[in-house]
Amino acid sequence: MALPSSFAGVTVHAKANIYFDGRVVSHTVLLPDGAKKTLGLIYPGSYHFGTGAPERMEIVAGSCHVTLDGQTGLKNYAEGTAFDVPGKSGFTIEVKTGICEYICSFL
């Protein structure tokens, strides 16, 4: 899967979205077609996120382990992979070492 390395003609919100005492940080990006994405970093730890709308998480660098709400299986995701999360659901994401960089697309 080829992940984008840049986005042209976008609006970026300067104010960061900060979660879990700064262990997860992202910035909102609005594309010309109205689509919304966040670009972020996840530091080592385990974090649970709820979703309103369906999301696609693309791993740009690093790796993580993910369990979707309602499932028991832990799946590993490395750079260049992605996973989808249903709307009105959630997921637990764990980073063991290093920093996991991601693009979250709201579907």
N, C-alpha and C. Protein backbone atom coordinates (compact mmCIF):
# COMPACT_ATOMS: atom_id res chain seq x y z
N MET A 1 0.86 -1.17 0.00
CA MET A 1 0.00 0.00 0.00
C MET A 1 0.91 1.23 0.00
N ALA A 2 0.71 2.11 -0.94
CA ALA A 2 1.49 3.35 -1.01
C ALA A 2 0.77 4.45 -0.24
N LEU A 3 1.37 4.89 0.84
CA LEU A 3 0.78 5.96 1.64
C LEU A 3 1.26 7.30 1.12
N PRO A 4 0.41 8.32 1.23
CA PRO A 4 0.84 9.64 0.77
C PRO A 4 1.99 10.16 1.64
N SER A 5 2.92 10.88 1.01
CA SER A 5 4.01 11.49 1.77
C SER A 5 3.76 12.98 1.99
N SER A 6 2.78 13.54 1.27
CA SER A 6 2.41 14.94 1.44
C SER A 6 1.00 15.16 0.93
N PHE A 7 0.42 16.30 1.31
CA PHE A 7 -0.91 16.69 0.87
C PHE A 7 -0.80 18.12 0.34
N ALA A 8 -1.28 18.37 -0.89
CA ALA A 8 -1.19 19.70 -1.50
C ALA A 8 -2.50 20.46 -1.31
N GLY A 9 -2.38 21.78 -1.19
CA GLY A 9 -3.56 22.65 -1.15
C GLY A 9 -4.48 22.43 0.02
N VAL A 10 -3.94 22.12 1.19
CA VAL A 10 -4.75 21.81 2.36
C VAL A 10 -4.75 22.95 3.36
N THR A 11 -5.68 22.87 4.32
CA THR A 11 -5.70 23.76 5.47
C THR A 11 -5.33 22.92 6.68
N VAL A 12 -4.38 23.40 7.47
CA VAL A 12 -3.94 22.67 8.66
C VAL A 12 -4.29 23.51 9.88
N HIS A 13 -4.91 22.89 10.86
CA HIS A 13 -5.20 23.57 12.12
C HIS A 13 -3.92 23.59 12.95
N ALA A 14 -3.48 24.76 13.34
CA ALA A 14 -2.24 24.90 14.08
C ALA A 14 -2.35 24.33 15.50
N LYS A 15 -3.52 24.42 16.10
CA LYS A 15 -3.72 23.90 17.46
C LYS A 15 -3.76 22.38 17.42
N ALA A 16 -2.89 21.76 18.20
CA ALA A 16 -2.80 20.30 18.23
C ALA A 16 -3.97 19.69 19.00
N ASN A 17 -4.31 18.46 18.63
CA ASN A 17 -5.22 17.61 19.40
C ASN A 17 -4.32 16.79 20.32
N ILE A 18 -4.43 16.99 21.62
CA ILE A 18 -3.53 16.33 22.57
C ILE A 18 -4.34 15.39 23.46
N TYR A 19 -3.91 14.12 23.51
CA TYR A 19 -4.60 13.09 24.28
C TYR A 19 -3.60 12.41 25.22
N PHE A 20 -4.11 11.84 26.29
CA PHE A 20 -3.32 11.01 27.20
C PHE A 20 -2.04 11.74 27.64
N ASP A 21 -2.22 12.96 28.16
CA ASP A 21 -1.11 13.75 28.71
C ASP A 21 0.03 13.93 27.71
N GLY A 22 -0.33 14.10 26.43
CA GLY A 22 0.67 14.35 25.40
C GLY A 22 1.30 13.11 24.81
N ARG A 23 0.80 11.94 25.16
CA ARG A 23 1.35 10.69 24.62
C ARG A 23 0.84 10.41 23.22
N VAL A 24 -0.28 11.04 22.85
CA VAL A 24 -0.83 10.97 21.49
C VAL A 24 -1.14 12.40 21.07
N VAL A 25 -0.56 12.83 19.95
CA VAL A 25 -0.73 14.20 19.47
C VAL A 25 -1.01 14.17 17.98
N SER A 26 -2.00 14.95 17.54
CA SER A 26 -2.29 15.02 16.10
C SER A 26 -2.67 16.44 15.71
N HIS A 27 -2.64 16.69 14.41
CA HIS A 27 -3.11 17.95 13.83
C HIS A 27 -4.16 17.62 12.78
N THR A 28 -5.20 18.45 12.72
CA THR A 28 -6.28 18.26 11.76
C THR A 28 -5.90 18.90 10.43
N VAL A 29 -6.16 18.15 9.35
CA VAL A 29 -5.89 18.60 7.99
C VAL A 29 -7.21 18.54 7.22
N LEU A 30 -7.58 19.66 6.57
CA LEU A 30 -8.79 19.71 5.75
C LEU A 30 -8.36 19.77 4.29
N LEU A 31 -8.81 18.79 3.50
CA LEU A 31 -8.45 18.72 2.09
C LEU A 31 -9.37 19.61 1.26
N PRO A 32 -8.94 19.99 0.06
CA PRO A 32 -9.74 20.87 -0.79
C PRO A 32 -11.15 20.34 -1.06
N ASP A 33 -11.33 19.00 -1.09
CA ASP A 33 -12.64 18.43 -1.36
C ASP A 33 -13.52 18.35 -0.12
N GLY A 34 -13.03 18.87 1.02
CA GLY A 34 -13.80 18.86 2.26
C GLY A 34 -13.49 17.69 3.17
N ALA A 35 -12.71 16.72 2.69
CA ALA A 35 -12.36 15.57 3.52
C ALA A 35 -11.49 16.02 4.69
N LYS A 36 -11.63 15.30 5.81
CA LYS A 36 -10.88 15.62 7.02
C LYS A 36 -9.98 14.45 7.38
N LYS A 37 -8.74 14.78 7.74
CA LYS A 37 -7.78 13.79 8.20
C LYS A 37 -7.08 14.35 9.42
N THR A 38 -6.49 13.47 10.20
CA THR A 38 -5.56 13.91 11.23
C THR A 38 -4.24 13.20 10.99
N LEU A 39 -3.15 13.91 11.27
CA LEU A 39 -1.80 13.36 11.16
C LEU A 39 -1.23 13.39 12.56
N GLY A 40 -0.72 12.25 13.03
CA GLY A 40 -0.29 12.25 14.41
C GLY A 40 0.82 11.30 14.77
N LEU A 41 1.19 11.41 16.04
CA LEU A 41 2.24 10.60 16.66
C LEU A 41 1.67 9.91 17.88
N ILE A 42 2.08 8.65 18.08
CA ILE A 42 1.70 7.91 19.28
C ILE A 42 2.98 7.42 19.94
N TYR A 43 3.17 7.84 21.19
CA TYR A 43 4.33 7.42 21.96
C TYR A 43 4.02 6.10 22.67
N PRO A 44 5.05 5.40 23.16
CA PRO A 44 4.81 4.11 23.80
C PRO A 44 3.74 4.16 24.88
N GLY A 45 2.89 3.15 24.86
CA GLY A 45 1.79 3.03 25.81
C GLY A 45 0.61 2.35 25.15
N SER A 46 -0.47 2.21 25.90
CA SER A 46 -1.71 1.61 25.41
C SER A 46 -2.83 2.62 25.60
N TYR A 47 -3.62 2.84 24.52
CA TYR A 47 -4.63 3.90 24.53
C TYR A 47 -5.91 3.40 23.87
N HIS A 48 -7.05 3.80 24.42
CA HIS A 48 -8.34 3.45 23.81
C HIS A 48 -8.97 4.71 23.24
N PHE A 49 -9.48 4.58 22.00
CA PHE A 49 -10.18 5.67 21.32
C PHE A 49 -11.56 5.21 20.89
N GLY A 50 -12.55 6.05 21.06
CA GLY A 50 -13.88 5.80 20.53
C GLY A 50 -14.02 6.50 19.18
N THR A 51 -14.91 5.99 18.35
CA THR A 51 -15.15 6.60 17.04
C THR A 51 -16.59 7.05 16.92
N GLY A 52 -16.79 8.19 16.26
CA GLY A 52 -18.14 8.62 15.89
C GLY A 52 -18.42 8.08 14.50
N ALA A 53 -17.62 8.55 13.55
CA ALA A 53 -17.71 8.10 12.16
C ALA A 53 -16.69 6.99 11.93
N PRO A 54 -16.87 6.20 10.86
CA PRO A 54 -15.85 5.21 10.52
C PRO A 54 -14.51 5.89 10.22
N GLU A 55 -13.43 5.20 10.56
CA GLU A 55 -12.09 5.74 10.37
C GLU A 55 -11.18 4.71 9.70
N ARG A 56 -10.20 5.22 8.99
CA ARG A 56 -9.11 4.38 8.47
C ARG A 56 -7.81 4.92 9.05
N MET A 57 -7.06 4.06 9.72
CA MET A 57 -5.77 4.43 10.31
C MET A 57 -4.68 3.83 9.43
N GLU A 58 -3.85 4.72 8.85
CA GLU A 58 -2.73 4.29 8.02
C GLU A 58 -1.44 4.55 8.80
N ILE A 59 -0.60 3.55 8.90
CA ILE A 59 0.63 3.66 9.67
C ILE A 59 1.75 4.15 8.73
N VAL A 60 2.25 5.35 9.02
CA VAL A 60 3.26 5.99 8.19
C VAL A 60 4.66 5.55 8.59
N ALA A 61 4.90 5.40 9.89
CA ALA A 61 6.21 4.98 10.40
C ALA A 61 6.01 4.30 11.74
N GLY A 62 6.91 3.39 12.07
CA GLY A 62 6.80 2.67 13.33
C GLY A 62 5.82 1.52 13.22
N SER A 63 5.34 1.07 14.36
CA SER A 63 4.39 -0.05 14.38
C SER A 63 3.52 0.04 15.62
N CYS A 64 2.42 -0.72 15.58
CA CYS A 64 1.49 -0.74 16.70
C CYS A 64 0.75 -2.06 16.73
N HIS A 65 0.09 -2.30 17.84
CA HIS A 65 -0.78 -3.46 18.03
C HIS A 65 -2.18 -2.92 18.29
N VAL A 66 -3.19 -3.51 17.64
CA VAL A 66 -4.54 -2.96 17.71
C VAL A 66 -5.55 -4.06 18.02
N THR A 67 -6.49 -3.73 18.91
CA THR A 67 -7.65 -4.59 19.15
C THR A 67 -8.89 -3.73 18.92
N LEU A 68 -9.73 -4.13 17.97
CA LEU A 68 -10.99 -3.42 17.73
C LEU A 68 -11.99 -3.78 18.82
N ASP A 69 -12.82 -2.82 19.22
CA ASP A 69 -13.86 -3.11 20.21
C ASP A 69 -14.68 -4.30 19.76
N GLY A 70 -15.01 -5.17 20.69
CA GLY A 70 -15.83 -6.34 20.39
C GLY A 70 -15.03 -7.52 19.87
N GLN A 71 -13.73 -7.35 19.68
CA GLN A 71 -12.88 -8.45 19.22
C GLN A 71 -11.84 -8.75 20.28
N THR A 72 -11.32 -9.96 20.25
CA THR A 72 -10.31 -10.33 21.23
C THR A 72 -8.93 -10.45 20.58
N GLY A 73 -8.88 -10.54 19.27
CA GLY A 73 -7.62 -10.73 18.57
C GLY A 73 -6.81 -9.44 18.47
N LEU A 74 -5.56 -9.51 18.86
CA LEU A 74 -4.62 -8.40 18.74
C LEU A 74 -3.93 -8.54 17.39
N LYS A 75 -3.93 -7.46 16.59
CA LYS A 75 -3.29 -7.49 15.28
C LYS A 75 -2.15 -6.48 15.25
N ASN A 76 -1.09 -6.85 14.58
CA ASN A 76 0.08 -6.00 14.44
C ASN A 76 0.00 -5.22 13.13
N TYR A 77 0.36 -3.94 13.18
CA TYR A 77 0.39 -3.10 11.99
C TYR A 77 1.74 -2.38 11.95
N ALA A 78 2.40 -2.49 10.81
CA ALA A 78 3.70 -1.86 10.62
C ALA A 78 3.58 -0.76 9.58
N GLU A 79 4.65 -0.04 9.39
CA GLU A 79 4.72 1.01 8.38
C GLU A 79 4.18 0.52 7.04
N GLY A 80 3.30 1.31 6.43
CA GLY A 80 2.74 0.96 5.13
C GLY A 80 1.46 0.14 5.18
N THR A 81 0.96 -0.16 6.40
CA THR A 81 -0.28 -0.92 6.53
C THR A 81 -1.38 -0.02 7.08
N ALA A 82 -2.62 -0.53 7.09
CA ALA A 82 -3.76 0.26 7.55
C ALA A 82 -4.81 -0.67 8.15
N PHE A 83 -5.68 -0.07 8.98
CA PHE A 83 -6.83 -0.80 9.50
C PHE A 83 -8.02 0.15 9.56
N ASP A 84 -9.22 -0.43 9.44
CA ASP A 84 -10.46 0.34 9.48
C ASP A 84 -11.18 0.09 10.79
N VAL A 85 -11.81 1.14 11.30
CA VAL A 85 -12.56 1.07 12.54
C VAL A 85 -13.99 1.50 12.23
N PRO A 86 -14.99 0.69 12.58
CA PRO A 86 -16.37 1.08 12.32
C PRO A 86 -16.76 2.32 13.12
N GLY A 87 -17.78 3.02 12.65
CA GLY A 87 -18.33 4.15 13.37
C GLY A 87 -19.02 3.69 14.64
N LYS A 88 -19.14 4.60 15.60
CA LYS A 88 -19.78 4.31 16.89
C LYS A 88 -19.18 3.06 17.52
N SER A 89 -17.87 2.96 17.46
CA SER A 89 -17.14 1.82 17.98
C SER A 89 -15.88 2.35 18.65
N GLY A 90 -14.80 1.60 18.56
CA GLY A 90 -13.55 2.06 19.13
C GLY A 90 -12.46 1.02 18.95
N PHE A 91 -11.29 1.37 19.46
CA PHE A 91 -10.15 0.47 19.36
C PHE A 91 -9.12 0.82 20.42
N THR A 92 -8.34 -0.18 20.79
CA THR A 92 -7.20 0.02 21.68
C THR A 92 -5.96 -0.13 20.83
N ILE A 93 -5.06 0.87 20.91
CA ILE A 93 -3.83 0.86 20.15
C ILE A 93 -2.67 0.89 21.13
N GLU A 94 -1.70 0.02 20.90
CA GLU A 94 -0.54 -0.07 21.78
C GLU A 94 0.74 0.09 20.96
N VAL A 95 1.61 0.94 21.44
CA VAL A 95 2.94 1.11 20.84
C VAL A 95 3.93 0.63 21.89
N LYS A 96 4.73 -0.36 21.52
CA LYS A 96 5.68 -0.94 22.48
C LYS A 96 6.95 -0.12 22.60
N THR A 97 7.53 0.28 21.46
CA THR A 97 8.77 1.05 21.47
C THR A 97 8.74 2.06 20.33
N GLY A 98 9.53 3.10 20.47
CA GLY A 98 9.62 4.10 19.41
C GLY A 98 8.36 4.94 19.33
N ILE A 99 8.15 5.54 18.17
CA ILE A 99 6.98 6.39 17.91
C ILE A 99 6.25 5.84 16.70
N CYS A 100 4.95 5.72 16.79
CA CYS A 100 4.11 5.31 15.66
C CYS A 100 3.52 6.58 15.05
N GLU A 101 3.74 6.80 13.75
CA GLU A 101 3.18 7.94 13.05
C GLU A 101 2.01 7.46 12.19
N TYR A 102 0.94 8.23 12.15
CA TYR A 102 -0.26 7.77 11.44
C TYR A 102 -0.97 8.90 10.71
N ILE A 103 -1.81 8.46 9.75
CA ILE A 103 -2.80 9.30 9.09
C ILE A 103 -4.15 8.69 9.41
N CYS A 104 -5.04 9.45 9.98
CA CYS A 104 -6.40 8.98 10.25
C CYS A 104 -7.33 9.68 9.28
N SER A 105 -8.04 8.90 8.48
CA SER A 105 -9.03 9.43 7.54
C SER A 105 -10.41 9.14 8.08
N PHE A 106 -11.27 10.14 8.04
CA PHE A 106 -12.65 9.98 8.48
C PHE A 106 -13.48 9.63 7.26
N LEU A 107 -14.04 8.41 7.25
CA LEU A 107 -14.70 7.87 6.06
C LEU A 107 -16.17 8.24 6.00
